[in-house]
Amino acid sequence: MTETRWQVLTLAETEAFSADPKAWLNAHARPDMPYVLAYADDGVIWGKRQEDGTVWLSGEVFSDPARYPAVAVKFRLDTLQQIRLFGPAGERLIWRTREGFAGRSMTDGPALNEDTFEQAYLLWHQGQPEAVDRQAGFALLQEGGQGPRHAPPVIPNGSQRPRLVVRHYVAYDDQDQAYIALSRLVDLT
């Protein structure tokens, strides 16, 4: 990597996120960066920008904890560990630190450079996930009869399995050996 591909989010931006994370998501989600993936102490939260510009989260769509205990995760700042807003245009990543939240932004666009490559990771590693429920563009997926549940904002079509596309950025050490220096989320297909 010959140039810096990312920039640190300003203190004002991380403070705006801390003050109202849902409003921050609604303000920063764009058609070319529509997806959200968040990790909280109590589960995984997926999200997607809607046509009206608001972001819907999986815990809002599947909100009944009695019916959807694994995915009815509330979006709360006190349990949030990291969150990514991403799409073909770039990614914003915010993570918890001892002092609060920190973040970075990458806006390299959809084109691949010679020092990048992409991989598609299956959201399920074994078997075919079953779509247990579909609501508002989200699919509650379950692997097998008792497997884990996920609610990504993608509806599987037939035998196609949901995939998370990740772009890796290659750099070279002082002995000219290649290594992955940075990765970002690109798409959900």
C-alpha atoms as a PDB file:
ATOM      1  CA  MET A   1       0.000   0.000   0.000  1.00  0.00           C
ATOM      2  CA  THR A   2       1.656   3.144  -1.161  1.00  0.00           C
ATOM      3  CA  GLU A   3      -0.829   5.675   0.200  1.00  0.00           C
ATOM      4  CA  THR A   4      -3.005   5.981   3.266  1.00  0.00           C
ATOM      5  CA  ARG A   5      -6.415   4.544   2.484  1.00  0.00           C
ATOM      6  CA  TRP A   6      -8.166   5.578   5.672  1.00  0.00           C
ATOM      7  CA  GLN A   7      -8.517   8.559   7.929  1.00  0.00           C
ATOM      8  CA  VAL A   8      -9.261   8.873  11.620  1.00  0.00           C
ATOM      9  CA  LEU A   9     -12.750  10.075  12.476  1.00  0.00           C
ATOM     10  CA  THR A  10     -12.673  13.404  14.272  1.00  0.00           C
ATOM     11  CA  LEU A  11     -13.482  13.729  17.947  1.00  0.00           C
ATOM     12  CA  ALA A  12     -16.584  15.719  16.986  1.00  0.00           C
ATOM     13  CA  GLU A  13     -17.798  12.842  14.819  1.00  0.00           C
ATOM     14  CA  THR A  14     -17.256  10.160  17.477  1.00  0.00           C
ATOM     15  CA  GLU A  15     -18.918  12.436  20.049  1.00  0.00           C
ATOM     16  CA  ALA A  16     -21.895  12.884  17.693  1.00  0.00           C
ATOM     17  CA  PHE A  17     -22.074   9.091  17.409  1.00  0.00           C
ATOM     18  CA  SER A  18     -21.941   8.721  21.210  1.00  0.00           C
ATOM     19  CA  ALA A  19     -24.650  11.355  21.712  1.00  0.00           C
ATOM     20  CA  ASP A  20     -27.159   9.656  19.387  1.00  0.00           C
ATOM     21  CA  PRO A  21     -25.880   6.583  17.530  1.00  0.00           C
ATOM     22  CA  LYS A  22     -29.114   5.939  15.609  1.00  0.00           C
ATOM     23  CA  ALA A  23     -29.246   9.549  14.364  1.00  0.00           C
ATOM     24  CA  TRP A  24     -25.575   9.255  13.360  1.00  0.00           C
ATOM     25  CA  LEU A  25     -26.359   6.110  11.334  1.00  0.00           C
ATOM     26  CA  ASN A  26     -29.301   7.810   9.630  1.00  0.00           C
ATOM     27  CA  ALA A  27     -27.124  10.818   8.772  1.00  0.00           C
ATOM     28  CA  HIS A  28     -24.181   8.812   7.383  1.00  0.00           C
ATOM     29  CA  ALA A  29     -25.845   5.865   5.612  1.00  0.00           C
ATOM     30  CA  ARG A  30     -25.917   6.420   1.865  1.00  0.00           C
ATOM     31  CA  PRO A  31     -27.145   4.387  -1.102  1.00  0.00           C
ATOM     32  CA  ASP A  32     -23.534   3.361  -1.806  1.00  0.00           C
ATOM     33  CA  MET A  33     -22.866   2.599   1.909  1.00  0.00           C
ATOM     34  CA  PRO A  34     -26.200   1.100   3.049  1.00  0.00           C
ATOM     35  CA  TYR A  35     -25.229  -1.783   5.374  1.00  0.00           C
ATOM     36  CA  VAL A  36     -24.614  -1.933   9.114  1.00  0.00           C
ATOM     37  CA  LEU A  37     -22.896  -4.697  11.061  1.00  0.00           C
ATOM     38  CA  ALA A  38     -22.530  -4.180  14.801  1.00  0.00           C
ATOM     39  CA  TYR A  39     -21.173  -6.364  17.561  1.00  0.00           C
ATOM     40  CA  ALA A  40     -22.593  -5.871  21.028  1.00  0.00           C
ATOM     41  CA  ASP A  41     -22.080  -7.736  24.288  1.00  0.00           C
ATOM     42  CA  ASP A  42     -25.471  -9.363  23.834  1.00  0.00           C
ATOM     43  CA  GLY A  43     -25.366 -10.229  20.126  1.00  0.00           C
ATOM     44  CA  VAL A  44     -24.908  -9.235  16.501  1.00  0.00           C
ATOM     45  CA  ILE A  45     -26.951  -6.440  14.944  1.00  0.00           C
ATOM     46  CA  TRP A  46     -27.421  -6.098  11.196  1.00  0.00           C
ATOM     47  CA  GLY A  47     -28.902  -3.049   9.520  1.00  0.00           C
ATOM     48  CA  LYS A  48     -29.699  -1.465   6.185  1.00  0.00           C
ATOM     49  CA  ARG A  49     -30.560   1.982   4.895  1.00  0.00           C
ATOM     50  CA  GLN A  50     -34.112   2.164   3.594  1.00  0.00           C
ATOM     51  CA  GLU A  51     -35.389   4.165   0.627  1.00  0.00           C
ATOM     52  CA  ASP A  52     -36.507   6.999   2.930  1.00  0.00           C
ATOM     53  CA  GLY A  53     -32.927   7.360   4.248  1.00  0.00           C
ATOM     54  CA  THR A  54     -33.512   5.820   7.672  1.00  0.00           C
ATOM     55  CA  VAL A  55     -31.602   2.791   8.898  1.00  0.00           C
ATOM     56  CA  TRP A  56     -33.531  -0.241  10.102  1.00  0.00           C
ATOM     57  CA  LEU A  57     -31.786  -2.645  12.428  1.00  0.00           C
ATOM     58  CA  SER A  58     -32.407  -6.374  12.776  1.00  0.00           C
ATOM     59  CA  GLY A  59     -33.388  -5.968  16.436  1.00  0.00           C
ATOM     60  CA  GLU A  60     -36.083  -3.485  15.406  1.00  0.00           C
ATOM     61  CA  VAL A  61     -37.457  -5.723  12.662  1.00  0.00           C
ATOM     62  CA  PHE A  62     -37.371  -8.877  14.827  1.00  0.00           C
ATOM     63  CA  SER A  63     -38.112  -7.052  18.072  1.00  0.00           C
ATOM     64  CA  ASP A  64     -39.976  -9.637  20.161  1.00  0.00           C
ATOM     65  CA  PRO A  65     -37.390 -11.216  22.510  1.00  0.00           C
ATOM     66  CA  ALA A  66     -39.784 -14.058  23.394  1.00  0.00           C
ATOM     67  CA  ARG A  67     -40.148 -15.036  19.734  1.00  0.00           C
ATOM     68  CA  TYR A  68     -36.667 -14.034  18.480  1.00  0.00           C
ATOM     69  CA  PRO A  69     -34.346 -14.254  21.507  1.00  0.00           C
ATOM     70  CA  ALA A  70     -31.123 -14.526  19.499  1.00  0.00           C
ATOM     71  CA  VAL A  71     -31.743 -11.576  17.180  1.00  0.00           C
ATOM     72  CA  ALA A  72     -33.966  -9.158  19.119  1.00  0.00           C
ATOM     73  CA  VAL A  73     -30.825  -7.349  20.258  1.00  0.00           C
ATOM     74  CA  LYS A  74     -31.407  -3.743  21.233  1.00  0.00           C
ATOM     75  CA  PHE A  75     -29.011  -1.150  19.810  1.00  0.00           C
ATOM     76  CA  ARG A  76     -27.558   0.303  23.024  1.00  0.00           C
ATOM     77  CA  LEU A  77     -24.409   2.331  23.407  1.00  0.00           C
ATOM     78  CA  ASP A  78     -23.494   0.710  26.735  1.00  0.00           C
ATOM     79  CA  THR A  79     -23.226  -2.796  25.162  1.00  0.00           C
ATOM     80  CA  LEU A  80     -21.835  -1.807  21.753  1.00  0.00           C
ATOM     81  CA  GLN A  81     -18.273  -2.992  21.001  1.00  0.00           C
ATOM     82  CA  GLN A  82     -17.933  -1.996  17.329  1.00  0.00           C
ATOM     83  CA  ILE A  83     -20.061  -0.964  14.399  1.00  0.00           C
ATOM     84  CA  ARG A  84     -19.411  -0.804  10.669  1.00  0.00           C
ATOM     85  CA  LEU A  85     -21.382   1.205   8.133  1.00  0.00           C
ATOM     86  CA  PHE A  86     -20.306  -0.110   4.738  1.00  0.00           C
ATOM     87  CA  GLY A  87     -20.955  -0.547   1.046  1.00  0.00           C
ATOM     88  CA  PRO A  88     -19.151  -0.439  -2.298  1.00  0.00           C
ATOM     89  CA  ALA A  89     -18.060   3.187  -1.772  1.00  0.00           C
ATOM     90  CA  GLY A  90     -16.297   2.637   1.561  1.00  0.00           C
ATOM     91  CA  GLU A  91     -16.632   1.912   5.239  1.00  0.00           C
ATOM     92  CA  ARG A  92     -16.906   3.747   8.546  1.00  0.00           C
ATOM     93  CA  LEU A  93     -15.780   1.734  11.545  1.00  0.00           C
ATOM     94  CA  ILE A  94     -16.321   2.838  15.144  1.00  0.00           C
ATOM     95  CA  TRP A  95     -15.052   0.830  18.100  1.00  0.00           C
ATOM     96  CA  ARG A  96     -15.069   1.099  21.872  1.00  0.00           C
ATOM     97  CA  THR A  97     -11.871   2.168  23.649  1.00  0.00           C
ATOM     98  CA  ARG A  98     -11.151   2.774  27.327  1.00  0.00           C
ATOM     99  CA  GLU A  99     -11.715   6.497  26.754  1.00  0.00           C
ATOM    100  CA  GLY A 100     -14.938   6.167  24.726  1.00  0.00           C
ATOM    101  CA  PHE A 101     -15.255   5.544  21.000  1.00  0.00           C
ATOM    102  CA  ALA A 102     -12.735   5.909  18.181  1.00  0.00           C
ATOM    103  CA  GLY A 103     -13.159   5.397  14.475  1.00  0.00           C
ATOM    104  CA  ARG A 104     -11.852   5.461  10.951  1.00  0.00           C
ATOM    105  CA  SER A 105     -13.291   6.105   7.523  1.00  0.00           C
ATOM    106  CA  MET A 106     -12.323   4.560   4.176  1.00  0.00           C
ATOM    107  CA  THR A 107     -13.756   5.784   0.877  1.00  0.00           C
ATOM    108  CA  ASP A 108     -11.904   4.021  -1.907  1.00  0.00           C
ATOM    109  CA  GLY A 109     -14.875   3.204  -4.102  1.00  0.00           C
ATOM    110  CA  PRO A 110     -15.916   0.032  -5.882  1.00  0.00           C
ATOM    111  CA  ALA A 111     -12.848  -0.436  -8.141  1.00  0.00           C
ATOM    112  CA  LEU A 112     -10.063  -2.818  -7.157  1.00  0.00           C
ATOM    113  CA  ASN A 113      -6.445  -1.723  -7.321  1.00  0.00           C
ATOM    114  CA  GLU A 114      -3.468  -3.978  -7.959  1.00  0.00           C
ATOM    115  CA  ASP A 115      -2.750  -4.191  -4.226  1.00  0.00           C
ATOM    116  CA  THR A 116      -6.277  -5.301  -3.224  1.00  0.00           C
ATOM    117  CA  PHE A 117      -8.348  -8.438  -3.515  1.00  0.00           C
ATOM    118  CA  GLU A 118     -11.826  -9.445  -2.408  1.00  0.00           C
ATOM    119  CA  GLN A 119     -13.187 -12.564  -0.776  1.00  0.00           C
ATOM    120  CA  ALA A 120     -16.786 -13.579  -0.216  1.00  0.00           C
ATOM    121  CA  TYR A 121     -17.386 -15.233   3.157  1.00  0.00           C
ATOM    122  CA  LEU A 122     -20.452 -17.397   3.651  1.00  0.00           C
ATOM    123  CA  LEU A 123     -22.544 -16.361   6.627  1.00  0.00           C
ATOM    124  CA  TRP A 124     -23.161 -20.105   7.176  1.00  0.00           C
ATOM    125  CA  HIS A 125     -20.346 -22.627   7.035  1.00  0.00           C
ATOM    126  CA  GLN A 126     -22.233 -25.923   6.947  1.00  0.00           C
ATOM    127  CA  GLY A 127     -25.385 -26.947   5.193  1.00  0.00           C
ATOM    128  CA  GLN A 128     -28.075 -24.754   3.778  1.00  0.00           C
ATOM    129  CA  PRO A 129     -29.551 -22.146   6.146  1.00  0.00           C
ATOM    130  CA  GLU A 130     -33.310 -22.101   6.427  1.00  0.00           C
ATOM    131  CA  ALA A 131     -35.144 -18.803   6.132  1.00  0.00           C
ATOM    132  CA  VAL A 132     -37.282 -19.080   9.270  1.00  0.00           C
ATOM    133  CA  ASP A 133     -38.925 -15.684   8.773  1.00  0.00           C
ATOM    134  CA  ARG A 134     -38.719 -12.742   6.356  1.00  0.00           C
ATOM    135  CA  GLN A 135     -39.625  -9.199   7.321  1.00  0.00           C
ATOM    136  CA  ALA A 136     -38.852  -5.772   5.835  1.00  0.00           C
ATOM    137  CA  GLY A 137     -35.971  -7.034   3.674  1.00  0.00           C
ATOM    138  CA  PHE A 138     -34.349  -9.000   6.512  1.00  0.00           C
ATOM    139  CA  ALA A 139     -34.236 -12.789   6.683  1.00  0.00           C
ATOM    140  CA  LEU A 140     -34.094 -14.637   9.959  1.00  0.00           C
ATOM    141  CA  LEU A 141     -31.832 -17.534   9.060  1.00  0.00           C
ATOM    142  CA  GLN A 142     -31.179 -20.638  11.073  1.00  0.00           C
ATOM    143  CA  GLU A 143     -28.572 -23.283  10.402  1.00  0.00           C
ATOM    144  CA  GLY A 144     -30.225 -26.680  10.839  1.00  0.00           C
ATOM    145  CA  GLY A 145     -32.840 -27.495  13.451  1.00  0.00           C
ATOM    146  CA  GLN A 146     -30.996 -26.072  16.449  1.00  0.00           C
ATOM    147  CA  GLY A 147     -28.205 -24.019  14.867  1.00  0.00           C
ATOM    148  CA  PRO A 148     -27.366 -20.365  15.401  1.00  0.00           C
ATOM    149  CA  ARG A 149     -29.655 -17.623  14.122  1.00  0.00           C
ATOM    150  CA  HIS A 150     -28.749 -14.539  12.132  1.00  0.00           C
ATOM    151  CA  ALA A 151     -30.912 -11.753  10.676  1.00  0.00           C
ATOM    152  CA  PRO A 152     -28.968 -10.113   7.843  1.00  0.00           C
ATOM    153  CA  PRO A 153     -30.688  -7.593   5.553  1.00  0.00           C
ATOM    154  CA  VAL A 154     -30.648  -9.937   2.576  1.00  0.00           C
ATOM    155  CA  ILE A 155     -33.235 -12.437   1.381  1.00  0.00           C
ATOM    156  CA  PRO A 156     -31.700 -15.696   0.091  1.00  0.00           C
ATOM    157  CA  ASN A 157     -32.894 -16.809  -3.317  1.00  0.00           C
ATOM    158  CA  GLY A 158     -33.281 -20.554  -3.709  1.00  0.00           C
ATOM    159  CA  SER A 159     -30.003 -22.344  -3.027  1.00  0.00           C
ATOM    160  CA  GLN A 160     -27.963 -19.136  -2.854  1.00  0.00           C
ATOM    161  CA  ARG A 161     -26.389 -18.524   0.524  1.00  0.00           C
ATOM    162  CA  PRO A 162     -25.789 -15.049   1.981  1.00  0.00           C
ATOM    163  CA  ARG A 163     -22.205 -13.834   1.668  1.00  0.00           C
ATOM    164  CA  LEU A 164     -20.255 -10.979   3.182  1.00  0.00           C
ATOM    165  CA  VAL A 165     -17.756  -9.497   0.711  1.00  0.00           C
ATOM    166  CA  VAL A 166     -14.489  -8.286   2.276  1.00  0.00           C
ATOM    167  CA  ARG A 167     -11.761  -6.293   0.533  1.00  0.00           C
ATOM    168  CA  HIS A 168      -8.193  -6.874   1.702  1.00  0.00           C
ATOM    169  CA  TYR A 169      -5.354  -4.409   1.182  1.00  0.00           C
ATOM    170  CA  VAL A 170      -1.900  -5.837   0.591  1.00  0.00           C
ATOM    171  CA  ALA A 171       1.314  -4.216   1.808  1.00  0.00           C
ATOM    172  CA  TYR A 172       4.928  -5.372   1.761  1.00  0.00           C
ATOM    173  CA  ASP A 173       7.391  -5.611   4.619  1.00  0.00           C
ATOM    174  CA  ASP A 174      11.074  -4.666   4.515  1.00  0.00           C
ATOM    175  CA  GLN A 175      11.874  -8.087   3.002  1.00  0.00           C
ATOM    176  CA  ASP A 176       9.280  -7.505   0.250  1.00  0.00           C
ATOM    177  CA  GLN A 177       6.914 -10.149   1.624  1.00  0.00           C
ATOM    178  CA  ALA A 178       3.229  -9.456   1.090  1.00  0.00           C
ATOM    179  CA  TYR A 179       0.774  -9.314   3.984  1.00  0.00           C
ATOM    180  CA  ILE A 180      -2.778  -8.097   4.518  1.00  0.00           C
ATOM    181  CA  ALA A 181      -2.396  -4.699   6.128  1.00  0.00           C
ATOM    182  CA  LEU A 182      -6.055  -3.713   6.282  1.00  0.00           C
ATOM    183  CA  SER A 183      -9.487  -5.107   5.469  1.00  0.00           C
ATOM    184  CA  ARG A 184     -12.931  -3.583   5.073  1.00  0.00           C
ATOM    185  CA  LEU A 185     -16.458  -4.797   4.437  1.00  0.00           C
ATOM    186  CA  VAL A 186     -17.723  -4.107   0.913  1.00  0.00           C
ATOM    187  CA  ASP A 187     -21.069  -5.764   0.297  1.00  0.00           C
ATOM    188  CA  LEU A 188     -23.675  -8.236   1.432  1.00  0.00           C
ATOM    189  CA  THR A 189     -24.947 -10.503  -1.337  1.00  0.00           C
END
